[in-house]
PDB file of N, CA and C in Angstrom:
ATOM      1  N   MET A   1      93.735 115.170 113.383  1.00  0.00           N
ATOM      2  CA  MET A   1      93.628 115.384 111.951  1.00  0.00           C
ATOM      3  C   MET A   1      94.713 114.584 111.218  1.00  0.00           C
ATOM      4  N   THR A   2      94.336 113.949 110.132  1.00  0.00           N
ATOM      5  CA  THR A   2      95.263 113.128 109.365  1.00  0.00           C
ATOM      6  C   THR A   2      96.109 114.000 108.456  1.00  0.00           C
ATOM      7  N   GLU A   3      97.407 113.732 108.427  1.00  0.00           N
ATOM      8  CA  GLU A   3      98.302 114.497 107.555  1.00  0.00           C
ATOM      9  C   GLU A   3      98.107 114.062 106.109  1.00  0.00           C
ATOM     10  N   THR A   4      98.140 115.049 105.219  1.00  0.00           N
ATOM     11  CA  THR A   4      97.971 114.768 103.793  1.00  0.00           C
ATOM     12  C   THR A   4      99.322 114.513 103.150  1.00  0.00           C
ATOM     13  N   THR A   5      99.391 113.452 102.376  1.00  0.00           N
ATOM     14  CA  THR A   5     100.574 113.103 101.601  1.00  0.00           C
ATOM     15  C   THR A   5     100.282 113.446 100.147  1.00  0.00           C
ATOM     16  N   ILE A   6     101.249 114.059  99.475  1.00  0.00           N
ATOM     17  CA  ILE A   6     101.080 114.437  98.067  1.00  0.00           C
ATOM     18  C   ILE A   6     102.263 113.893  97.278  1.00  0.00           C
ATOM     19  N   PHE A   7     101.954 113.094  96.265  1.00  0.00           N
ATOM     20  CA  PHE A   7     102.990 112.528  95.400  1.00  0.00           C
ATOM     21  C   PHE A   7     102.674 112.815  93.942  1.00  0.00           C
ATOM     22  N   ARG A   8     103.731 112.985  93.170  1.00  0.00           N
ATOM     23  CA  ARG A   8     103.639 113.020  91.701  1.00  0.00           C
ATOM     24  C   ARG A   8     104.271 111.729  91.212  1.00  0.00           C
ATOM     25  N   LEU A   9     103.500 110.959  90.453  1.00  0.00           N
ATOM     26  CA  LEU A   9     103.954 109.667  89.956  1.00  0.00           C
ATOM     27  C   LEU A   9     104.140 109.727  88.456  1.00  0.00           C
ATOM     28  N   ARG A  10     105.198 109.086  87.953  1.00  0.00           N
ATOM     29  CA  ARG A  10     105.366 108.855  86.513  1.00  0.00           C
ATOM     30  C   ARG A  10     105.412 107.364  86.329  1.00  0.00           C
ATOM     31  N   ILE A  11     104.355 106.819  85.735  1.00  0.00           N
ATOM     32  CA  ILE A  11     104.240 105.381  85.538  1.00  0.00           C
ATOM     33  C   ILE A  11     104.723 105.044  84.137  1.00  0.00           C
ATOM     34  N   LYS A  12     105.692 104.148  84.056  1.00  0.00           N
ATOM     35  CA  LYS A  12     106.296 103.794  82.769  1.00  0.00           C
ATOM     36  C   LYS A  12     106.069 102.325  82.468  1.00  0.00           C
ATOM     37  N   GLY A  13     106.012 102.005  81.188  1.00  0.00           N
ATOM     38  CA  GLY A  13     105.754 100.652  80.724  1.00  0.00           C
ATOM     39  C   GLY A  13     104.650 100.705  79.674  1.00  0.00           C
ATOM     40  N   ARG A  14     103.878  99.630  79.582  1.00  0.00           N
ATOM     41  CA  ARG A  14     102.736  99.651  78.657  1.00  0.00           C
ATOM     42  C   ARG A  14     101.539 100.162  79.451  1.00  0.00           C
ATOM     43  N   VAL A  15     101.395 101.500  79.462  1.00  0.00           N
ATOM     44  CA  VAL A  15     100.359 102.136  80.284  1.00  0.00           C
ATOM     45  C   VAL A  15      99.459 103.078  79.473  1.00  0.00           C
ATOM     46  N   GLN A  16      99.737 103.232  78.191  1.00  0.00           N
ATOM     47  CA  GLN A  16      98.849 104.013  77.332  1.00  0.00           C
ATOM     48  C   GLN A  16      98.150 103.062  76.375  1.00  0.00           C
ATOM     49  N   GLY A  17      96.867 103.364  76.116  1.00  0.00           N
ATOM     50  CA  GLY A  17      96.092 102.518  75.219  1.00  0.00           C
ATOM     51  C   GLY A  17      95.573 101.247  75.867  1.00  0.00           C
ATOM     52  N   VAL A  18      95.663 101.168  77.189  1.00  0.00           N
ATOM     53  CA  VAL A  18      95.213  99.971  77.909  1.00  0.00           C
ATOM     54  C   VAL A  18      94.192 100.315  79.000  1.00  0.00           C
ATOM     55  N   GLY A  19      93.700 101.551  79.012  1.00  0.00           N
ATOM     56  CA  GLY A  19      92.707 101.973  79.999  1.00  0.00           C
ATOM     57  C   GLY A  19      93.288 102.351  81.351  1.00  0.00           C
ATOM     58  N   TYR A  20      94.586 102.632  81.390  1.00  0.00           N
ATOM     59  CA  TYR A  20      95.228 102.937  82.676  1.00  0.00           C
ATOM     60  C   TYR A  20      94.648 104.191  83.322  1.00  0.00           C
ATOM     61  N   ARG A  21      94.454 105.253  82.541  1.00  0.00           N
ATOM     62  CA  ARG A  21      93.935 106.497  83.128  1.00  0.00           C
ATOM     63  C   ARG A  21      92.550 106.299  83.729  1.00  0.00           C
ATOM     64  N   GLU A  22      91.670 105.654  82.994  1.00  0.00           N
ATOM     65  CA  GLU A  22      90.316 105.440  83.502  1.00  0.00           C
ATOM     66  C   GLU A  22      90.342 104.570  84.749  1.00  0.00           C
ATOM     67  N   TRP A  23      91.159 103.528  84.722  1.00  0.00           N
ATOM     68  CA  TRP A  23      91.308 102.642  85.869  1.00  0.00           C
ATOM     69  C   TRP A  23      91.827 103.417  87.081  1.00  0.00           C
ATOM     70  N   ALA A  24      92.885 104.209  86.886  1.00  0.00           N
ATOM     71  CA  ALA A  24      93.493 104.953  87.993  1.00  0.00           C
ATOM     72  C   ALA A  24      92.531 106.002  88.553  1.00  0.00           C
ATOM     73  N   MET A  25      91.763 106.646  87.677  1.00  0.00           N
ATOM     74  CA  MET A  25      90.776 107.613  88.159  1.00  0.00           C
ATOM     75  C   MET A  25      89.753 106.914  89.056  1.00  0.00           C
ATOM     76  N   ALA A  26      89.269 105.771  88.639  1.00  0.00           N
ATOM     77  CA  ALA A  26      88.290 105.024  89.440  1.00  0.00           C
ATOM     78  C   ALA A  26      88.899 104.599  90.776  1.00  0.00           C
ATOM     79  N   GLU A  27      90.161 104.158  90.743  1.00  0.00           N
ATOM     80  CA  GLU A  27      90.849 103.752  91.971  1.00  0.00           C
ATOM     81  C   GLU A  27      90.998 104.937  92.928  1.00  0.00           C
ATOM     82  N   ALA A  28      91.401 106.078  92.404  1.00  0.00           N
ATOM     83  CA  ALA A  28      91.588 107.277  93.236  1.00  0.00           C
ATOM     84  C   ALA A  28      90.255 107.754  93.814  1.00  0.00           C
ATOM     85  N   LEU A  29      89.236 107.799  92.979  1.00  0.00           N
ATOM     86  CA  LEU A  29      87.925 108.261  93.438  1.00  0.00           C
ATOM     87  C   LEU A  29      87.345 107.315  94.488  1.00  0.00           C
ATOM     88  N   SER A  30      87.540 106.013  94.310  1.00  0.00           N
ATOM     89  CA  SER A  30      87.006 105.058  95.288  1.00  0.00           C
ATOM     90  C   SER A  30      87.699 105.195  96.640  1.00  0.00           C
ATOM     91  N   ARG A  31      88.906 105.753  96.645  1.00  0.00           N
ATOM     92  CA  ARG A  31      89.652 105.965  97.891  1.00  0.00           C
ATOM     93  C   ARG A  31      89.467 107.379  98.436  1.00  0.00           C
ATOM     94  N   GLY A  32      88.731 108.221  97.718  1.00  0.00           N
ATOM     95  CA  GLY A  32      88.501 109.593  98.169  1.00  0.00           C
ATOM     96  C   GLY A  32      89.711 110.491  98.024  1.00  0.00           C
ATOM     97  N   LEU A  33      90.605 110.178  97.079  1.00  0.00           N
ATOM     98  CA  LEU A  33      91.818 110.963  96.875  1.00  0.00           C
ATOM     99  C   LEU A  33      91.568 112.137  95.927  1.00  0.00           C
ATOM    100  N   ASP A  34      92.384 113.162  96.061  1.00  0.00           N
ATOM    101  CA  ASP A  34      92.344 114.321  95.171  1.00  0.00           C
ATOM    102  C   ASP A  34      93.528 114.263  94.230  1.00  0.00           C
ATOM    103  N   GLY A  35      93.395 114.910  93.068  1.00  0.00           N
ATOM    104  CA  GLY A  35      94.514 115.001  92.145  1.00  0.00           C
ATOM    105  C   GLY A  35      94.083 115.011  90.702  1.00  0.00           C
ATOM    106  N   TRP A  36      95.004 114.597  89.838  1.00  0.00           N
ATOM    107  CA  TRP A  36      94.747 114.545  88.399  1.00  0.00           C
ATOM    108  C   TRP A  36      95.642 113.503  87.748  1.00  0.00           C
ATOM    109  N   ILE A  37      95.301 113.204  86.498  1.00  0.00           N
ATOM    110  CA  ILE A  37      96.054 112.212  85.726  1.00  0.00           C
ATOM    111  C   ILE A  37      96.126 112.656  84.283  1.00  0.00           C
ATOM    112  N   ARG A  38      97.225 112.327  83.614  1.00  0.00           N
ATOM    113  CA  ARG A  38      97.355 112.628  82.181  1.00  0.00           C
ATOM    114  C   ARG A  38      98.394 111.715  81.540  1.00  0.00           C
ATOM    115  N   ASN A  39      98.229 111.520  80.232  1.00  0.00           N
ATOM    116  CA  ASN A  39      99.264 110.854  79.441  1.00  0.00           C
ATOM    117  C   ASN A  39     100.387 111.839  79.199  1.00  0.00           C
ATOM    118  N   ARG A  40     101.592 111.309  79.042  1.00  0.00           N
ATOM    119  CA  ARG A  40     102.753 112.115  78.647  1.00  0.00           C
ATOM    120  C   ARG A  40     103.148 111.686  77.239  1.00  0.00           C
ATOM    121  N   SER A  41     103.723 112.616  76.506  1.00  0.00           N
ATOM    122  CA  SER A  41     104.084 112.330  75.112  1.00  0.00           C
ATOM    123  C   SER A  41     105.176 111.273  74.991  1.00  0.00           C
ATOM    124  N   ASP A  42     105.889 110.973  76.085  1.00  0.00           N
ATOM    125  CA  ASP A  42     106.928 109.930  76.047  1.00  0.00           C
ATOM    126  C   ASP A  42     106.357 108.533  76.278  1.00  0.00           C
ATOM    127  N   GLY A  43     105.016 108.415  76.401  1.00  0.00           N
ATOM    128  CA  GLY A  43     104.386 107.116  76.592  1.00  0.00           C
ATOM    129  C   GLY A  43     104.089 106.766  78.039  1.00  0.00           C
ATOM    130  N   SER A  44     104.497 107.633  78.970  1.00  0.00           N
ATOM    131  CA  SER A  44     104.222 107.379  80.382  1.00  0.00           C
ATOM    132  C   SER A  44     102.880 108.001  80.773  1.00  0.00           C
ATOM    133  N   VAL A  45     102.455 107.709  81.993  1.00  0.00           N
ATOM    134  CA  VAL A  45     101.267 108.327  82.577  1.00  0.00           C
ATOM    135  C   VAL A  45     101.731 109.063  83.827  1.00  0.00           C
ATOM    136  N   GLU A  46     101.244 110.291  84.007  1.00  0.00           N
ATOM    137  CA  GLU A  46     101.606 111.112  85.165  1.00  0.00           C
ATOM    138  C   GLU A  46     100.374 111.290  86.047  1.00  0.00           C
ATOM    139  N   ILE A  47     100.572 111.116  87.344  1.00  0.00           N
ATOM    140  CA  ILE A  47      99.485 111.273  88.306  1.00  0.00           C
ATOM    141  C   ILE A  47      99.969 112.164  89.445  1.00  0.00           C
ATOM    142  N   LEU A  48      99.152 113.139  89.816  1.00  0.00           N
ATOM    143  CA  LEU A  48      99.353 113.894  91.049  1.00  0.00           C
ATOM    144  C   LEU A  48      98.241 113.441  91.978  1.00  0.00           C
ATOM    145  N   VAL A  49      98.605 112.933  93.141  1.00  0.00           N
ATOM    146  CA  VAL A  49      97.614 112.347  94.040  1.00  0.00           C
ATOM    147  C   VAL A  49      97.871 112.821  95.466  1.00  0.00           C
ATOM    148  N   ALA A  50      96.772 113.157  96.171  1.00  0.00           N
ATOM    149  CA  ALA A  50      96.873 113.671  97.534  1.00  0.00           C
ATOM    150  C   ALA A  50      95.813 113.025  98.416  1.00  0.00           C
ATOM    151  N   GLY A  51      96.217 112.713  99.646  1.00  0.00           N
ATOM    152  CA  GLY A  51      95.276 112.134 100.593  1.00  0.00           C
ATOM    153  C   GLY A  51      96.008 111.638 101.824  1.00  0.00           C
ATOM    154  N   PRO A  52      95.284 110.932 102.703  1.00  0.00           N
ATOM    155  CA  PRO A  52      95.916 110.374 103.907  1.00  0.00           C
ATOM    156  C   PRO A  52      97.035 109.391 103.547  1.00  0.00           C
ATOM    157  N   ASP A  53      98.075 109.392 104.336  1.00  0.00           N
ATOM    158  CA  ASP A  53      99.276 108.594 104.059  1.00  0.00           C
ATOM    159  C   ASP A  53      98.966 107.127 103.768  1.00  0.00           C
ATOM    160  N   GLU A  54      98.191 106.467 104.606  1.00  0.00           N
ATOM    161  CA  GLU A  54      97.904 105.042 104.399  1.00  0.00           C
ATOM    162  C   GLU A  54      97.120 104.808 103.107  1.00  0.00           C
ATOM    163  N   THR A  55      96.214 105.727 102.784  1.00  0.00           N
ATOM    164  CA  THR A  55      95.423 105.592 101.559  1.00  0.00           C
ATOM    165  C   THR A  55      96.309 105.786 100.334  1.00  0.00           C
ATOM    166  N   ILE A  56      97.253 106.711 100.417  1.00  0.00           N
ATOM    167  CA  ILE A  56      98.202 106.932  99.316  1.00  0.00           C
ATOM    168  C   ILE A  56      99.064 105.689  99.117  1.00  0.00           C
ATOM    169  N   LYS A  57      99.530 105.091 100.203  1.00  0.00           N
ATOM    170  CA  LYS A  57     100.333 103.862 100.096  1.00  0.00           C
ATOM    171  C   LYS A  57      99.535 102.757  99.402  1.00  0.00           C
ATOM    172  N   ASP A  58      98.258 102.650  99.737  1.00  0.00           N
ATOM    173  CA  ASP A  58      97.388 101.664  99.110  1.00  0.00           C
ATOM    174  C   ASP A  58      97.252 101.945  97.605  1.00  0.00           C
ATOM    175  N   MET A  59      97.090 103.217  97.258  1.00  0.00           N
ATOM    176  CA  MET A  59      96.977 103.611  95.844  1.00  0.00           C
ATOM    177  C   MET A  59      98.277 103.304  95.095  1.00  0.00           C
ATOM    178  N   LEU A  60      99.411 103.570  95.720  1.00  0.00           N
ATOM    179  CA  LEU A  60     100.702 103.272  95.083  1.00  0.00           C
ATOM    180  C   LEU A  60     100.833 101.778  94.792  1.00  0.00           C
ATOM    181  N   GLY A  61     100.407 100.967  95.731  1.00  0.00           N
ATOM    182  CA  GLY A  61     100.442  99.522  95.515  1.00  0.00           C
ATOM    183  C   GLY A  61      99.589  99.111  94.336  1.00  0.00           C
ATOM    184  N   ALA A  62      98.400  99.706  94.234  1.00  0.00           N
ATOM    185  CA  ALA A  62      97.510  99.401  93.112  1.00  0.00           C
ATOM    186  C   ALA A  62      98.133  99.848  91.794  1.00  0.00           C
ATOM    187  N   CYS A  63      98.784 101.012  91.792  1.00  0.00           N
ATOM    188  CA  CYS A  63      99.375 101.552  90.559  1.00  0.00           C
ATOM    189  C   CYS A  63     100.503 100.680  90.025  1.00  0.00           C
ATOM    190  N   THR A  64     101.160  99.917  90.882  1.00  0.00           N
ATOM    191  CA  THR A  64     102.222  99.034  90.397  1.00  0.00           C
ATOM    192  C   THR A  64     101.657  97.895  89.552  1.00  0.00           C
ATOM    193  N   GLN A  65     100.382  97.585  89.731  1.00  0.00           N
ATOM    194  CA  GLN A  65      99.722  96.542  88.949  1.00  0.00           C
ATOM    195  C   GLN A  65      98.969  97.135  87.759  1.00  0.00           C
ATOM    196  N   GLY A  66      98.106  98.115  88.031  1.00  0.00           N
ATOM    197  CA  GLY A  66      97.310  98.722  86.973  1.00  0.00           C
ATOM    198  C   GLY A  66      96.206  97.798  86.501  1.00  0.00           C
ATOM    199  N   PRO A  67      95.533  98.181  85.422  1.00  0.00           N
ATOM    200  CA  PRO A  67      94.466  97.345  84.869  1.00  0.00           C
ATOM    201  C   PRO A  67      95.062  96.097  84.202  1.00  0.00           C
ATOM    202  N   PRO A  68      94.215  95.120  83.860  1.00  0.00           N
ATOM    203  CA  PRO A  68      94.724  93.837  83.331  1.00  0.00           C
ATOM    204  C   PRO A  68      95.666  93.933  82.132  1.00  0.00           C
ATOM    205  N   GLU A  69      95.437  94.838  81.201  1.00  0.00           N
ATOM    206  CA  GLU A  69      96.267  94.923  79.986  1.00  0.00           C
ATOM    207  C   GLU A  69      97.577  95.684  80.185  1.00  0.00           C
ATOM    208  N   ALA A  70      97.710  96.386  81.299  1.00  0.00           N
ATOM    209  CA  ALA A  70      98.909  97.203  81.543  1.00  0.00           C
ATOM    210  C   ALA A  70     100.094  96.340  81.952  1.00  0.00           C
ATOM    211  N   GLN A  71     101.278  96.846  81.640  1.00  0.00           N
ATOM    212  CA  GLN A  71     102.531  96.248  82.119  1.00  0.00           C
ATOM    213  C   GLN A  71     103.373  97.374  82.691  1.00  0.00           C
ATOM    214  N   VAL A  72     103.297  97.557  83.999  1.00  0.00           N
ATOM    215  CA  VAL A  72     104.035  98.626  84.667  1.00  0.00           C
ATOM    216  C   VAL A  72     105.470  98.170  84.862  1.00  0.00           C
ATOM    217  N   GLU A  73     106.416  98.951  84.325  1.00  0.00           N
ATOM    218  CA  GLU A  73     107.837  98.623  84.448  1.00  0.00           C
ATOM    219  C   GLU A  73     108.507  99.410  85.561  1.00  0.00           C
ATOM    220  N   ASN A  74     108.048 100.653  85.778  1.00  0.00           N
ATOM    221  CA  ASN A  74     108.704 101.517  86.752  1.00  0.00           C
ATOM    222  C   ASN A  74     107.754 102.641  87.145  1.00  0.00           C
ATOM    223  N   ILE A  75     107.858 103.079  88.396  1.00  0.00           N
ATOM    224  CA  ILE A  75     107.128 104.264  88.850  1.00  0.00           C
ATOM    225  C   ILE A  75     108.127 105.189  89.528  1.00  0.00           C
ATOM    226  N   ASP A  76     108.269 106.394  88.983  1.00  0.00           N
ATOM    227  CA  ASP A  76     109.072 107.434  89.622  1.00  0.00           C
ATOM    228  C   ASP A  76     108.145 108.183  90.570  1.00  0.00           C
ATOM    229  N   ILE A  77     108.570 108.352  91.821  1.00  0.00           N
ATOM    230  CA  ILE A  77     107.739 109.007  92.831  1.00  0.00           C
ATOM    231  C   ILE A  77     108.477 110.234  93.362  1.00  0.00           C
ATOM    232  N   LYS A  78     107.776 111.378  93.340  1.00  0.00           N
ATOM    233  CA  LYS A  78     108.334 112.615  93.887  1.00  0.00           C
ATOM    234  C   LYS A  78     107.349 113.191  94.892  1.00  0.00           C
ATOM    235  N   ASN A  79     107.886 113.675  96.013  1.00  0.00           N
ATOM    236  CA  ASN A  79     107.049 114.367  96.982  1.00  0.00           C
ATOM    237  C   ASN A  79     106.681 115.739  96.437  1.00  0.00           C
ATOM    238  N   GLU A  80     105.467 116.169  96.677  1.00  0.00           N
ATOM    239  CA  GLU A  80     104.995 117.494  96.295  1.00  0.00           C
ATOM    240  C   GLU A  80     104.482 118.204  97.542  1.00  0.00           C
ATOM    241  N   THR A  81     104.414 119.524  97.491  1.00  0.00           N
ATOM    242  CA  THR A  81     103.932 120.290  98.635  1.00  0.00           C
ATOM    243  C   THR A  81     102.626 121.018  98.348  1.00  0.00           C
ATOM    244  N   ASP A  82     102.356 121.354  97.091  1.00  0.00           N
ATOM    245  CA  ASP A  82     101.139 122.087  96.758  1.00  0.00           C
ATOM    246  C   ASP A  82      99.991 121.115  96.504  1.00  0.00           C
ATOM    247  N   PRO A  83      98.952 121.163  97.337  1.00  0.00           N
ATOM    248  CA  PRO A  83      97.837 120.242  97.142  1.00  0.00           C
ATOM    249  C   PRO A  83      97.033 120.577  95.887  1.00  0.00           C
ATOM    250  N   PRO A  84      96.510 119.562  95.215  1.00  0.00           N
ATOM    251  CA  PRO A  84      95.661 119.794  94.045  1.00  0.00           C
ATOM    252  C   PRO A  84      94.271 120.230  94.493  1.00  0.00           C
ATOM    253  N   PRO A  85      93.456 120.749  93.574  1.00  0.00           N
ATOM    254  CA  PRO A  85      92.072 121.045  93.921  1.00  0.00           C
ATOM    255  C   PRO A  85      91.343 119.759  94.331  1.00  0.00           C
ATOM    256  N   ALA A  86      90.235 119.929  95.046  1.00  0.00           N
ATOM    257  CA  ALA A  86      89.446 118.770  95.468  1.00  0.00           C
ATOM    258  C   ALA A  86      88.906 118.025  94.250  1.00  0.00           C
ATOM    259  N   GLY A  87      88.786 116.710  94.374  1.00  0.00           N
ATOM    260  CA  GLY A  87      88.296 115.882  93.278  1.00  0.00           C
ATOM    261  C   GLY A  87      89.442 115.287  92.493  1.00  0.00           C
ATOM    262  N   PHE A  88      89.105 114.562  91.448  1.00  0.00           N
ATOM    263  CA  PHE A  88      90.126 113.933  90.621  1.00  0.00           C
ATOM    264  C   PHE A  88      89.793 114.187  89.163  1.00  0.00           C
ATOM    265  N   ALA A  89      90.736 114.759  88.411  1.00  0.00           N
ATOM    266  CA  ALA A  89      90.482 115.207  87.039  1.00  0.00           C
ATOM    267  C   ALA A  89      91.401 114.524  86.038  1.00  0.00           C
ATOM    268  N   ARG A  90      90.957 114.503  84.808  1.00  0.00           N
ATOM    269  CA  ARG A  90      91.768 114.023  83.689  1.00  0.00           C
ATOM    270  C   ARG A  90      92.264 115.253  82.945  1.00  0.00           C
ATOM    271  N   LYS A  91      93.579 115.362  82.800  1.00  0.00           N
ATOM    272  CA  LYS A  91      94.178 116.508  82.116  1.00  0.00           C
ATOM    273  C   LYS A  91      94.620 116.097  80.719  1.00  0.00           C
ATOM    274  N   PRO A  92      94.763 117.080  79.816  1.00  0.00           N
ATOM    275  CA  PRO A  92      95.246 116.775  78.465  1.00  0.00           C
ATOM    276  C   PRO A  92      96.692 116.266  78.479  1.00  0.00           C
ATOM    277  N   THR A  93      97.055 115.533  77.460  1.00  0.00           N
ATOM    278  CA  THR A  93      98.407 115.017  77.303  1.00  0.00           C
ATOM    279  C   THR A  93      99.403 116.162  77.286  1.00  0.00           C
ATOM    280  N   LEU A  94     100.548 115.936  77.916  1.00  0.00           N
ATOM    281  CA  LEU A  94     101.625 116.933  77.939  1.00  0.00           C
ATOM    282  C   LEU A  94     102.840 116.351  77.261  1.00  0.00           C
TER     283      LEU A  94
END
């Protein structure tokens, strides 16, 4: 059985108003990952993502680039222990 990796990401830079959430949701769903995504009031995007370690690493690599209009400056990564519900959801801005 593959161990599940769970990370909370805070993506900073020009990531709001450029389709980052929709892009990231499509990327996560195409990889079969679970979690959620939302804008933060400080202009960042927050993602909770869970799945197999190698798939999570692949998703992290994609998140450093983002969609064409995005300019990712920094990603804060924190390990989490509580898995999200199955599927990938868009949450309201916090």
